[in-house]
N, C-alpha and C. Protein backbone atom coordinates (compact mmCIF):
# COMPACT_ATOMS: atom_id res chain seq x y z
N MET A 1 0.84 -1.18 0.00
CA MET A 1 0.00 0.00 0.00
C MET A 1 0.89 1.25 0.00
N LEU A 2 0.60 2.14 -0.93
CA LEU A 2 1.38 3.36 -1.05
C LEU A 2 0.86 4.43 -0.09
N THR A 3 1.78 5.17 0.49
CA THR A 3 1.40 6.30 1.35
C THR A 3 1.13 7.51 0.46
N GLY A 4 0.58 8.56 1.05
CA GLY A 4 0.30 9.78 0.30
C GLY A 4 1.57 10.41 -0.26
N LYS A 5 2.63 10.38 0.55
CA LYS A 5 3.91 10.96 0.11
C LYS A 5 4.48 10.18 -1.08
N GLN A 6 4.36 8.85 -1.04
CA GLN A 6 4.85 8.02 -2.15
C GLN A 6 4.03 8.26 -3.40
N LYS A 7 2.70 8.41 -3.26
CA LYS A 7 1.85 8.68 -4.41
C LYS A 7 2.20 10.02 -5.05
N ARG A 8 2.45 11.04 -4.23
CA ARG A 8 2.85 12.35 -4.76
C ARG A 8 4.17 12.25 -5.52
N PHE A 9 5.10 11.47 -4.98
CA PHE A 9 6.40 11.25 -5.63
C PHE A 9 6.20 10.58 -6.99
N LEU A 10 5.36 9.55 -7.05
CA LEU A 10 5.10 8.83 -8.30
C LEU A 10 4.37 9.71 -9.30
N ARG A 11 3.42 10.52 -8.83
CA ARG A 11 2.71 11.43 -9.74
C ARG A 11 3.66 12.43 -10.37
N ALA A 12 4.62 12.91 -9.59
CA ALA A 12 5.61 13.85 -10.13
C ALA A 12 6.46 13.18 -11.20
N LEU A 13 6.87 11.93 -10.96
CA LEU A 13 7.66 11.19 -11.96
C LEU A 13 6.84 10.87 -13.20
N GLY A 14 5.57 10.57 -13.01
CA GLY A 14 4.71 10.16 -14.12
C GLY A 14 4.21 11.30 -14.97
N HIS A 15 4.39 12.53 -14.52
CA HIS A 15 3.86 13.69 -15.24
C HIS A 15 4.33 13.72 -16.70
N GLY A 16 5.58 13.44 -16.95
CA GLY A 16 6.12 13.54 -18.30
C GLY A 16 6.01 12.27 -19.13
N LEU A 17 5.46 11.22 -18.56
CA LEU A 17 5.37 9.95 -19.28
C LEU A 17 4.26 9.97 -20.32
N LYS A 18 4.46 9.19 -21.37
CA LYS A 18 3.43 8.98 -22.38
C LYS A 18 2.71 7.66 -22.05
N PRO A 19 1.41 7.55 -22.39
CA PRO A 19 0.70 6.30 -22.12
C PRO A 19 1.32 5.13 -22.89
N VAL A 20 1.53 4.03 -22.16
CA VAL A 20 2.13 2.83 -22.74
C VAL A 20 1.03 1.85 -23.16
N ILE A 21 -0.06 1.83 -22.41
CA ILE A 21 -1.17 0.91 -22.64
C ILE A 21 -2.43 1.72 -22.93
N GLN A 22 -3.25 1.21 -23.88
CA GLN A 22 -4.53 1.84 -24.17
C GLN A 22 -5.64 0.81 -24.02
N VAL A 23 -6.68 1.19 -23.29
CA VAL A 23 -7.84 0.32 -23.09
C VAL A 23 -8.93 0.81 -24.01
N GLY A 24 -9.33 -0.05 -24.95
CA GLY A 24 -10.35 0.31 -25.94
C GLY A 24 -11.65 -0.44 -25.74
N LYS A 25 -12.34 -0.71 -26.83
CA LYS A 25 -13.66 -1.33 -26.74
C LYS A 25 -13.64 -2.78 -26.29
N SER A 26 -12.48 -3.43 -26.33
CA SER A 26 -12.41 -4.81 -25.85
C SER A 26 -12.29 -4.86 -24.32
N ASP A 27 -12.29 -3.69 -23.68
CA ASP A 27 -12.20 -3.56 -22.22
C ASP A 27 -10.95 -4.24 -21.68
N VAL A 28 -11.01 -4.78 -20.47
CA VAL A 28 -9.84 -5.41 -19.84
C VAL A 28 -9.85 -6.89 -20.20
N SER A 29 -9.03 -7.25 -21.18
CA SER A 29 -8.95 -8.64 -21.64
C SER A 29 -7.69 -9.30 -21.10
N ALA A 30 -7.57 -10.60 -21.31
CA ALA A 30 -6.39 -11.34 -20.86
C ALA A 30 -5.13 -10.82 -21.55
N ALA A 31 -5.25 -10.48 -22.84
CA ALA A 31 -4.10 -9.96 -23.60
C ALA A 31 -3.66 -8.60 -23.05
N LEU A 32 -4.62 -7.77 -22.70
CA LEU A 32 -4.30 -6.45 -22.15
C LEU A 32 -3.61 -6.60 -20.79
N ILE A 33 -4.08 -7.52 -19.98
CA ILE A 33 -3.48 -7.76 -18.66
C ILE A 33 -2.04 -8.24 -18.83
N LYS A 34 -1.82 -9.16 -19.78
CA LYS A 34 -0.48 -9.69 -20.03
C LYS A 34 0.46 -8.56 -20.48
N GLU A 35 -0.03 -7.71 -21.36
CA GLU A 35 0.76 -6.58 -21.86
C GLU A 35 1.10 -5.60 -20.73
N THR A 36 0.13 -5.37 -19.86
CA THR A 36 0.34 -4.46 -18.73
C THR A 36 1.37 -5.02 -17.75
N ILE A 37 1.30 -6.31 -17.49
CA ILE A 37 2.27 -6.97 -16.60
C ILE A 37 3.68 -6.82 -17.16
N GLU A 38 3.83 -7.04 -18.47
CA GLU A 38 5.15 -6.91 -19.11
C GLU A 38 5.65 -5.47 -19.05
N ALA A 39 4.75 -4.51 -19.28
CA ALA A 39 5.14 -3.10 -19.24
C ALA A 39 5.56 -2.70 -17.82
N LEU A 40 4.83 -3.16 -16.82
CA LEU A 40 5.18 -2.85 -15.43
C LEU A 40 6.51 -3.48 -15.04
N ALA A 41 6.78 -4.68 -15.55
CA ALA A 41 8.03 -5.36 -15.23
C ALA A 41 9.23 -4.59 -15.78
N SER A 42 9.06 -3.98 -16.94
CA SER A 42 10.19 -3.27 -17.54
C SER A 42 10.29 -1.80 -17.12
N HIS A 43 9.15 -1.17 -16.79
CA HIS A 43 9.16 0.26 -16.49
C HIS A 43 8.88 0.61 -15.03
N GLU A 44 8.21 -0.24 -14.30
CA GLU A 44 7.77 -0.01 -12.91
C GLU A 44 6.62 0.99 -12.81
N LEU A 45 6.70 2.11 -13.52
CA LEU A 45 5.67 3.15 -13.47
C LEU A 45 5.18 3.40 -14.89
N ILE A 46 3.88 3.18 -15.12
CA ILE A 46 3.34 3.35 -16.48
C ILE A 46 2.03 4.15 -16.44
N LYS A 47 1.74 4.76 -17.59
CA LYS A 47 0.45 5.42 -17.78
C LYS A 47 -0.41 4.53 -18.66
N VAL A 48 -1.69 4.47 -18.32
CA VAL A 48 -2.67 3.71 -19.08
C VAL A 48 -3.76 4.68 -19.51
N LYS A 49 -4.06 4.70 -20.80
CA LYS A 49 -5.08 5.60 -21.35
C LYS A 49 -6.37 4.80 -21.57
N VAL A 50 -7.47 5.28 -21.01
CA VAL A 50 -8.78 4.66 -21.22
C VAL A 50 -9.46 5.44 -22.33
N LEU A 51 -9.64 4.79 -23.48
CA LEU A 51 -10.20 5.47 -24.65
C LEU A 51 -11.71 5.66 -24.52
N GLU A 52 -12.26 6.57 -25.31
CA GLU A 52 -13.70 6.84 -25.31
C GLU A 52 -14.51 5.60 -25.66
N SER A 53 -13.95 4.72 -26.49
CA SER A 53 -14.67 3.53 -26.93
C SER A 53 -14.79 2.46 -25.84
N CYS A 54 -14.08 2.62 -24.75
CA CYS A 54 -14.14 1.66 -23.66
C CYS A 54 -15.49 1.80 -22.95
N LEU A 55 -16.19 0.68 -22.78
CA LEU A 55 -17.51 0.71 -22.17
C LEU A 55 -17.46 0.74 -20.65
N MET A 56 -16.32 0.35 -20.08
CA MET A 56 -16.18 0.31 -18.63
C MET A 56 -15.87 1.70 -18.06
N ASP A 57 -16.22 1.90 -16.80
CA ASP A 57 -15.88 3.11 -16.08
C ASP A 57 -14.37 3.12 -15.83
N ARG A 58 -13.75 4.29 -15.84
CA ARG A 58 -12.29 4.38 -15.66
C ARG A 58 -11.84 3.84 -14.32
N HIS A 59 -12.65 4.02 -13.28
CA HIS A 59 -12.29 3.50 -11.96
C HIS A 59 -12.38 1.97 -11.92
N SER A 60 -13.33 1.41 -12.66
CA SER A 60 -13.45 -0.05 -12.76
C SER A 60 -12.26 -0.63 -13.50
N VAL A 61 -11.84 0.04 -14.55
CA VAL A 61 -10.66 -0.40 -15.31
C VAL A 61 -9.44 -0.39 -14.40
N ALA A 62 -9.27 0.69 -13.64
CA ALA A 62 -8.13 0.82 -12.73
C ALA A 62 -8.13 -0.30 -11.70
N GLU A 63 -9.29 -0.57 -11.12
CA GLU A 63 -9.41 -1.61 -10.09
C GLU A 63 -9.09 -2.99 -10.66
N GLU A 64 -9.64 -3.29 -11.84
CA GLU A 64 -9.40 -4.60 -12.46
C GLU A 64 -7.93 -4.79 -12.83
N LEU A 65 -7.33 -3.76 -13.44
CA LEU A 65 -5.91 -3.86 -13.82
C LEU A 65 -5.01 -4.01 -12.60
N CYS A 66 -5.27 -3.24 -11.57
CA CYS A 66 -4.44 -3.31 -10.36
C CYS A 66 -4.55 -4.68 -9.70
N THR A 67 -5.75 -5.22 -9.64
CA THR A 67 -5.95 -6.54 -9.05
C THR A 67 -5.27 -7.63 -9.88
N ALA A 68 -5.46 -7.58 -11.19
CA ALA A 68 -4.91 -8.61 -12.07
C ALA A 68 -3.39 -8.56 -12.14
N CYS A 69 -2.83 -7.36 -12.09
CA CYS A 69 -1.38 -7.19 -12.24
C CYS A 69 -0.65 -7.07 -10.90
N GLU A 70 -1.40 -7.08 -9.80
CA GLU A 70 -0.85 -6.89 -8.46
C GLU A 70 -0.06 -5.58 -8.38
N ALA A 71 -0.65 -4.53 -8.96
CA ALA A 71 -0.02 -3.22 -9.01
C ALA A 71 -0.73 -2.25 -8.07
N GLU A 72 -0.12 -1.10 -7.87
CA GLU A 72 -0.70 -0.04 -7.04
C GLU A 72 -1.17 1.08 -7.96
N LEU A 73 -2.30 1.67 -7.63
CA LEU A 73 -2.82 2.80 -8.38
C LEU A 73 -2.29 4.08 -7.74
N ALA A 74 -1.52 4.85 -8.50
CA ALA A 74 -0.96 6.10 -7.99
C ALA A 74 -1.89 7.27 -8.29
N GLN A 75 -2.63 7.20 -9.41
CA GLN A 75 -3.47 8.34 -9.79
C GLN A 75 -4.48 7.95 -10.86
N VAL A 76 -5.65 8.56 -10.78
CA VAL A 76 -6.63 8.55 -11.87
C VAL A 76 -6.88 10.01 -12.19
N LEU A 77 -6.48 10.43 -13.37
CA LEU A 77 -6.65 11.82 -13.78
C LEU A 77 -7.33 11.83 -15.14
N GLY A 78 -8.59 12.21 -15.17
CA GLY A 78 -9.36 12.16 -16.41
C GLY A 78 -9.49 10.71 -16.85
N ARG A 79 -9.04 10.42 -18.05
CA ARG A 79 -9.10 9.05 -18.58
C ARG A 79 -7.72 8.40 -18.56
N THR A 80 -6.81 8.93 -17.75
CA THR A 80 -5.46 8.41 -17.66
C THR A 80 -5.20 7.85 -16.27
N LEU A 81 -4.64 6.64 -16.23
CA LEU A 81 -4.31 5.97 -14.97
C LEU A 81 -2.80 5.91 -14.84
N LEU A 82 -2.31 5.99 -13.63
CA LEU A 82 -0.89 5.85 -13.36
C LEU A 82 -0.72 4.65 -12.44
N LEU A 83 -0.06 3.60 -12.96
CA LEU A 83 0.12 2.36 -12.20
C LEU A 83 1.58 2.16 -11.83
N TYR A 84 1.79 1.58 -10.65
CA TYR A 84 3.14 1.31 -10.16
C TYR A 84 3.21 -0.10 -9.61
N LYS A 85 4.29 -0.79 -9.95
CA LYS A 85 4.58 -2.10 -9.37
C LYS A 85 6.10 -2.19 -9.24
N GLN A 86 6.55 -2.42 -8.03
CA GLN A 86 7.99 -2.50 -7.80
C GLN A 86 8.56 -3.73 -8.51
N ALA A 87 9.65 -3.53 -9.23
CA ALA A 87 10.31 -4.61 -9.96
C ALA A 87 11.17 -5.44 -9.01
N LYS A 88 11.61 -6.59 -9.49
CA LYS A 88 12.49 -7.44 -8.68
C LYS A 88 13.79 -6.71 -8.37
N GLU A 89 14.28 -5.96 -9.35
CA GLU A 89 15.45 -5.09 -9.17
C GLU A 89 14.95 -3.66 -9.35
N PRO A 90 14.51 -3.01 -8.26
CA PRO A 90 13.87 -1.68 -8.36
C PRO A 90 14.75 -0.62 -9.01
N LYS A 91 14.13 0.16 -9.90
CA LYS A 91 14.81 1.28 -10.55
C LYS A 91 14.45 2.57 -9.82
N LEU A 92 13.25 2.61 -9.27
CA LEU A 92 12.78 3.79 -8.54
C LEU A 92 12.90 3.54 -7.04
N GLU A 93 13.34 4.57 -6.33
CA GLU A 93 13.40 4.47 -4.88
C GLU A 93 12.35 5.40 -4.29
N LEU A 94 11.32 4.79 -3.69
CA LEU A 94 10.24 5.55 -3.11
C LEU A 94 10.66 6.18 -1.79
N PRO A 95 10.03 7.29 -1.40
CA PRO A 95 10.31 7.85 -0.08
C PRO A 95 9.98 6.83 1.02
N LYS A 96 10.77 6.83 2.06
CA LYS A 96 10.60 5.85 3.14
C LYS A 96 9.36 6.16 3.96
N VAL A 97 8.75 5.10 4.49
CA VAL A 97 7.61 5.23 5.38
C VAL A 97 8.15 5.39 6.80
N LYS A 98 7.61 6.36 7.52
CA LYS A 98 8.08 6.61 8.89
C LYS A 98 7.58 5.56 9.85
């Protein structure tokens, strides 16, 4: 579970990122989950764009992806999600929890 300070840190890092994953009319499929897992493994912090053609609510998409990928949700801003999952060899160092 991410603290507020860690989420702010991740949001600052994610500001300049481009969306790596796009969720369209096929909603959250097994292929999309697999792609998201691979992207998280290589990047740790990714943006996911929920397109207009997606029939699911953006918060439902975020919840399903986080559960399926065992990731943390750092932000939902408009139709863009920011997901974080610590890699086996972490590239990002989050602020410490007191």
